[in-house]
Amino acid sequence: MSTLSTASILGPVGKSHRHQSRSYSLYEQQSLLPSATRPPSGYRLYTNVERDRLLFIRRSRGLGFSLGDVRELLGLADHKTHSCAAVDTKVELQLAQVRERIRDLQGLESELQRLIACCQGGVIEQCRIIESLSNRSCAPPESRGAALPQAVSYRL
């Protein structure tokens, strides 16, 4: 471990930082990030290189990359003189998946708007949305009796 002047101190382990702490632990368990030094204060101590790696992981996860994808991107990043074609391909695949999720979400949005348009107020017993969800009415002709739409899934 480097001296404190070249290290970063990342949040205490506690209730307000529980989510981040679990993420850091997961990254350590998955060998994406080395285990941090933890003094009695409960803070994680990372070198600047380790901090940069953590930021890389967090940015990649923020773009929707799976842990496996992040591992692959980190491996590619370690080879500074290689072509970036593999990185380009990985990002293009991620973009295609994002676009597919957007299409799925737009379909869900349309369906929810259709349900809202069914509502005429009143009481639950006469609720058109409840009837529609029960497949009793207010469904467009092409969807009556059709299979339920697939749920949207996200890679974690």
C-alpha atoms as a PDB file:
ATOM      1  CA  MET A   1       0.000   0.000   0.000  1.00  0.00           C
ATOM      2  CA  SER A   2       1.233   3.469  -0.837  1.00  0.00           C
ATOM      3  CA  THR A   3       1.510   6.293   1.605  1.00  0.00           C
ATOM      4  CA  LEU A   4      -1.615   8.259   2.354  1.00  0.00           C
ATOM      5  CA  SER A   5      -0.466  11.078   0.059  1.00  0.00           C
ATOM      6  CA  THR A   6      -0.946   8.783  -2.951  1.00  0.00           C
ATOM      7  CA  ALA A   7      -4.040   7.000  -1.666  1.00  0.00           C
ATOM      8  CA  SER A   8      -7.721   7.717  -1.822  1.00  0.00           C
ATOM      9  CA  ILE A   9     -10.000   7.267   1.131  1.00  0.00           C
ATOM     10  CA  LEU A  10     -13.449   6.008   0.206  1.00  0.00           C
ATOM     11  CA  GLY A  11     -16.415   6.320   2.548  1.00  0.00           C
ATOM     12  CA  PRO A  12     -16.957   4.662   5.867  1.00  0.00           C
ATOM     13  CA  VAL A  13     -18.719   1.355   6.016  1.00  0.00           C
ATOM     14  CA  GLY A  14     -22.087   2.232   7.473  1.00  0.00           C
ATOM     15  CA  LYS A  15     -25.787   2.595   6.788  1.00  0.00           C
ATOM     16  CA  SER A  16     -25.517   5.560   4.400  1.00  0.00           C
ATOM     17  CA  HIS A  17     -22.798   3.844   2.402  1.00  0.00           C
ATOM     18  CA  ARG A  18     -24.166   0.296   2.533  1.00  0.00           C
ATOM     19  CA  HIS A  19     -24.969   0.109  -1.193  1.00  0.00           C
ATOM     20  CA  GLN A  20     -21.545   1.391  -2.250  1.00  0.00           C
ATOM     21  CA  SER A  21     -19.885  -0.849   0.306  1.00  0.00           C
ATOM     22  CA  ARG A  22     -21.692  -3.907  -1.104  1.00  0.00           C
ATOM     23  CA  SER A  23     -20.689  -2.920  -4.624  1.00  0.00           C
ATOM     24  CA  TYR A  24     -17.050  -2.500  -3.616  1.00  0.00           C
ATOM     25  CA  SER A  25     -17.138  -5.869  -1.847  1.00  0.00           C
ATOM     26  CA  LEU A  26     -18.661  -7.493  -4.936  1.00  0.00           C
ATOM     27  CA  TYR A  27     -15.960  -5.963  -7.144  1.00  0.00           C
ATOM     28  CA  GLU A  28     -13.334  -7.307  -4.742  1.00  0.00           C
ATOM     29  CA  GLN A  29     -14.954 -10.779  -4.656  1.00  0.00           C
ATOM     30  CA  GLN A  30     -15.107 -10.833  -8.472  1.00  0.00           C
ATOM     31  CA  SER A  31     -11.391  -9.873  -8.590  1.00  0.00           C
ATOM     32  CA  LEU A  32     -12.215  -6.698 -10.501  1.00  0.00           C
ATOM     33  CA  LEU A  33     -10.695  -4.636  -7.717  1.00  0.00           C
ATOM     34  CA  PRO A  34      -8.043  -5.603  -5.166  1.00  0.00           C
ATOM     35  CA  SER A  35      -9.150  -5.767  -1.545  1.00  0.00           C
ATOM     36  CA  ALA A  36      -8.777  -2.405   0.075  1.00  0.00           C
ATOM     37  CA  THR A  37      -6.892  -1.735   3.246  1.00  0.00           C
ATOM     38  CA  ARG A  38      -9.319  -0.920   6.054  1.00  0.00           C
ATOM     39  CA  PRO A  39      -8.066   0.904   9.100  1.00  0.00           C
ATOM     40  CA  PRO A  40     -10.180   0.867  12.297  1.00  0.00           C
ATOM     41  CA  SER A  41     -12.110   3.921  11.047  1.00  0.00           C
ATOM     42  CA  GLY A  42     -13.911   1.680   8.546  1.00  0.00           C
ATOM     43  CA  TYR A  43     -12.813   3.676   5.505  1.00  0.00           C
ATOM     44  CA  ARG A  44     -11.455   1.860   2.470  1.00  0.00           C
ATOM     45  CA  LEU A  45      -7.996   2.955   1.395  1.00  0.00           C
ATOM     46  CA  TYR A  46      -7.144   2.650  -2.291  1.00  0.00           C
ATOM     47  CA  THR A  47      -4.087   3.782  -4.193  1.00  0.00           C
ATOM     48  CA  ASN A  48      -4.729   6.265  -6.985  1.00  0.00           C
ATOM     49  CA  VAL A  49      -4.354   3.443  -9.531  1.00  0.00           C
ATOM     50  CA  GLU A  50      -6.945   1.374  -7.639  1.00  0.00           C
ATOM     51  CA  ARG A  51      -9.222   4.424  -7.373  1.00  0.00           C
ATOM     52  CA  ASP A  52      -8.986   4.932 -11.148  1.00  0.00           C
ATOM     53  CA  ARG A  53      -9.852   1.256 -11.652  1.00  0.00           C
ATOM     54  CA  LEU A  54     -12.886   1.647  -9.362  1.00  0.00           C
ATOM     55  CA  LEU A  55     -14.017   4.697 -11.347  1.00  0.00           C
ATOM     56  CA  PHE A  56     -13.612   2.695 -14.578  1.00  0.00           C
ATOM     57  CA  ILE A  57     -15.781  -0.076 -13.105  1.00  0.00           C
ATOM     58  CA  ARG A  58     -18.438   2.356 -11.876  1.00  0.00           C
ATOM     59  CA  ARG A  59     -18.589   4.214 -15.211  1.00  0.00           C
ATOM     60  CA  SER A  60     -18.818   0.930 -17.110  1.00  0.00           C
ATOM     61  CA  ARG A  61     -21.602  -0.323 -14.835  1.00  0.00           C
ATOM     62  CA  GLY A  62     -23.352   3.034 -15.271  1.00  0.00           C
ATOM     63  CA  LEU A  63     -23.390   2.376 -19.023  1.00  0.00           C
ATOM     64  CA  GLY A  64     -25.089  -0.959 -18.372  1.00  0.00           C
ATOM     65  CA  PHE A  65     -22.141  -3.300 -18.856  1.00  0.00           C
ATOM     66  CA  SER A  66     -22.355  -6.581 -16.931  1.00  0.00           C
ATOM     67  CA  LEU A  67     -19.596  -7.572 -14.513  1.00  0.00           C
ATOM     68  CA  GLY A  68     -18.317 -10.000 -17.150  1.00  0.00           C
ATOM     69  CA  ASP A  69     -18.208  -7.192 -19.698  1.00  0.00           C
ATOM     70  CA  VAL A  70     -16.389  -4.970 -17.203  1.00  0.00           C
ATOM     71  CA  ARG A  71     -13.846  -7.737 -16.590  1.00  0.00           C
ATOM     72  CA  GLU A  72     -13.296  -8.021 -20.331  1.00  0.00           C
ATOM     73  CA  LEU A  73     -12.978  -4.243 -20.757  1.00  0.00           C
ATOM     74  CA  LEU A  74     -10.484  -4.070 -17.890  1.00  0.00           C
ATOM     75  CA  GLY A  75      -8.463  -6.837 -19.548  1.00  0.00           C
ATOM     76  CA  LEU A  76      -8.489  -4.937 -22.816  1.00  0.00           C
ATOM     77  CA  ALA A  77      -7.538  -1.706 -21.058  1.00  0.00           C
ATOM     78  CA  ASP A  78      -4.454  -3.398 -19.610  1.00  0.00           C
ATOM     79  CA  HIS A  79      -3.038  -3.875 -23.137  1.00  0.00           C
ATOM     80  CA  LYS A  80      -2.273  -0.257 -23.996  1.00  0.00           C
ATOM     81  CA  THR A  81      -0.647  -0.930 -27.394  1.00  0.00           C
ATOM     82  CA  HIS A  82      -3.305  -3.270 -28.827  1.00  0.00           C
ATOM     83  CA  SER A  83      -5.973  -2.244 -31.307  1.00  0.00           C
ATOM     84  CA  CYS A  84      -9.158  -0.910 -29.775  1.00  0.00           C
ATOM     85  CA  ALA A  85     -11.330  -2.866 -32.249  1.00  0.00           C
ATOM     86  CA  ALA A  86     -12.453  -5.300 -29.519  1.00  0.00           C
ATOM     87  CA  VAL A  87     -13.495  -2.368 -27.315  1.00  0.00           C
ATOM     88  CA  ASP A  88     -15.399  -0.813 -30.228  1.00  0.00           C
ATOM     89  CA  THR A  89     -17.202  -4.108 -30.824  1.00  0.00           C
ATOM     90  CA  LYS A  90     -18.087  -4.467 -27.134  1.00  0.00           C
ATOM     91  CA  VAL A  91     -19.508  -0.925 -27.036  1.00  0.00           C
ATOM     92  CA  GLU A  92     -21.447  -1.437 -30.293  1.00  0.00           C
ATOM     93  CA  LEU A  93     -23.029  -4.584 -28.822  1.00  0.00           C
ATOM     94  CA  GLN A  94     -23.937  -2.684 -25.655  1.00  0.00           C
ATOM     95  CA  LEU A  95     -25.487   0.108 -27.730  1.00  0.00           C
ATOM     96  CA  ALA A  96     -27.586  -2.442 -29.634  1.00  0.00           C
ATOM     97  CA  GLN A  97     -28.818  -3.893 -26.336  1.00  0.00           C
ATOM     98  CA  VAL A  98     -29.647  -0.427 -25.011  1.00  0.00           C
ATOM     99  CA  ARG A  99     -31.596   0.363 -28.168  1.00  0.00           C
ATOM    100  CA  GLU A 100     -33.520  -2.906 -27.787  1.00  0.00           C
ATOM    101  CA  ARG A 101     -34.380  -2.045 -24.175  1.00  0.00           C
ATOM    102  CA  ILE A 102     -35.512   1.413 -25.306  1.00  0.00           C
ATOM    103  CA  ARG A 103     -37.846  -0.205 -27.866  1.00  0.00           C
ATOM    104  CA  ASP A 104     -39.191  -2.522 -25.166  1.00  0.00           C
ATOM    105  CA  LEU A 105     -39.720   0.405 -22.805  1.00  0.00           C
ATOM    106  CA  GLN A 106     -41.468   2.393 -25.543  1.00  0.00           C
ATOM    107  CA  GLY A 107     -43.851  -0.539 -26.000  1.00  0.00           C
ATOM    108  CA  LEU A 108     -44.497  -0.566 -22.261  1.00  0.00           C
ATOM    109  CA  GLU A 109     -45.054   3.188 -22.335  1.00  0.00           C
ATOM    110  CA  SER A 110     -47.636   2.828 -25.115  1.00  0.00           C
ATOM    111  CA  GLU A 111     -49.454   0.100 -23.229  1.00  0.00           C
ATOM    112  CA  LEU A 112     -49.526   2.157 -20.024  1.00  0.00           C
ATOM    113  CA  GLN A 113     -50.817   5.178 -21.951  1.00  0.00           C
ATOM    114  CA  ARG A 114     -53.519   2.987 -23.447  1.00  0.00           C
ATOM    115  CA  LEU A 115     -54.505   1.824 -19.960  1.00  0.00           C
ATOM    116  CA  ILE A 116     -54.678   5.404 -18.699  1.00  0.00           C
ATOM    117  CA  ALA A 117     -56.891   6.311 -21.660  1.00  0.00           C
ATOM    118  CA  CYS A 118     -59.310   3.562 -20.527  1.00  0.00           C
ATOM    119  CA  CYS A 119     -59.845   5.243 -17.167  1.00  0.00           C
ATOM    120  CA  GLN A 120     -63.101   7.102 -16.766  1.00  0.00           C
ATOM    121  CA  GLY A 121     -62.850   7.679 -13.031  1.00  0.00           C
ATOM    122  CA  GLY A 122     -65.313   6.199 -10.604  1.00  0.00           C
ATOM    123  CA  VAL A 123     -64.842   3.282  -8.263  1.00  0.00           C
ATOM    124  CA  ILE A 124     -62.620   0.215  -8.464  1.00  0.00           C
ATOM    125  CA  GLU A 125     -65.584  -2.045  -9.203  1.00  0.00           C
ATOM    126  CA  GLN A 126     -66.041  -0.138 -12.493  1.00  0.00           C
ATOM    127  CA  CYS A 127     -62.351   0.560 -13.133  1.00  0.00           C
ATOM    128  CA  ARG A 128     -61.505   0.056 -16.799  1.00  0.00           C
ATOM    129  CA  ILE A 129     -57.815  -0.376 -16.010  1.00  0.00           C
ATOM    130  CA  ILE A 130     -58.523  -3.230 -13.601  1.00  0.00           C
ATOM    131  CA  GLU A 131     -60.833  -4.773 -16.205  1.00  0.00           C
ATOM    132  CA  SER A 132     -58.145  -4.438 -18.860  1.00  0.00           C
ATOM    133  CA  LEU A 133     -55.497  -5.983 -16.630  1.00  0.00           C
ATOM    134  CA  SER A 134     -57.961  -8.822 -16.024  1.00  0.00           C
ATOM    135  CA  ASN A 135     -58.271  -9.103 -19.843  1.00  0.00           C
ATOM    136  CA  ARG A 136     -62.011  -8.453 -19.686  1.00  0.00           C
ATOM    137  CA  SER A 137     -62.265  -5.266 -21.741  1.00  0.00           C
ATOM    138  CA  CYS A 138     -60.575  -2.145 -23.036  1.00  0.00           C
ATOM    139  CA  ALA A 139     -57.897  -4.189 -24.811  1.00  0.00           C
ATOM    140  CA  PRO A 140     -57.249  -3.410 -28.460  1.00  0.00           C
ATOM    141  CA  PRO A 141     -58.728  -6.108 -30.748  1.00  0.00           C
ATOM    142  CA  GLU A 142     -55.323  -7.451 -31.797  1.00  0.00           C
ATOM    143  CA  SER A 143     -54.281  -8.072 -28.186  1.00  0.00           C
ATOM    144  CA  ARG A 144     -57.453  -9.680 -26.830  1.00  0.00           C
ATOM    145  CA  GLY A 145     -56.632 -13.206 -25.877  1.00  0.00           C
ATOM    146  CA  ALA A 146     -53.004 -12.733 -26.904  1.00  0.00           C
ATOM    147  CA  ALA A 147     -50.138 -13.863 -24.760  1.00  0.00           C
ATOM    148  CA  LEU A 148     -48.844 -11.415 -22.214  1.00  0.00           C
ATOM    149  CA  PRO A 149     -45.923  -9.263 -23.391  1.00  0.00           C
ATOM    150  CA  GLN A 150     -42.496 -10.322 -22.231  1.00  0.00           C
ATOM    151  CA  ALA A 151     -41.102  -8.487 -19.256  1.00  0.00           C
ATOM    152  CA  VAL A 152     -38.198  -6.161 -19.827  1.00  0.00           C
ATOM    153  CA  SER A 153     -35.029  -7.505 -18.264  1.00  0.00           C
ATOM    154  CA  TYR A 154     -31.794  -5.775 -17.421  1.00  0.00           C
ATOM    155  CA  ARG A 155     -28.358  -7.254 -17.120  1.00  0.00           C
ATOM    156  CA  LEU A 156     -26.932  -6.807 -13.668  1.00  0.00           C
END
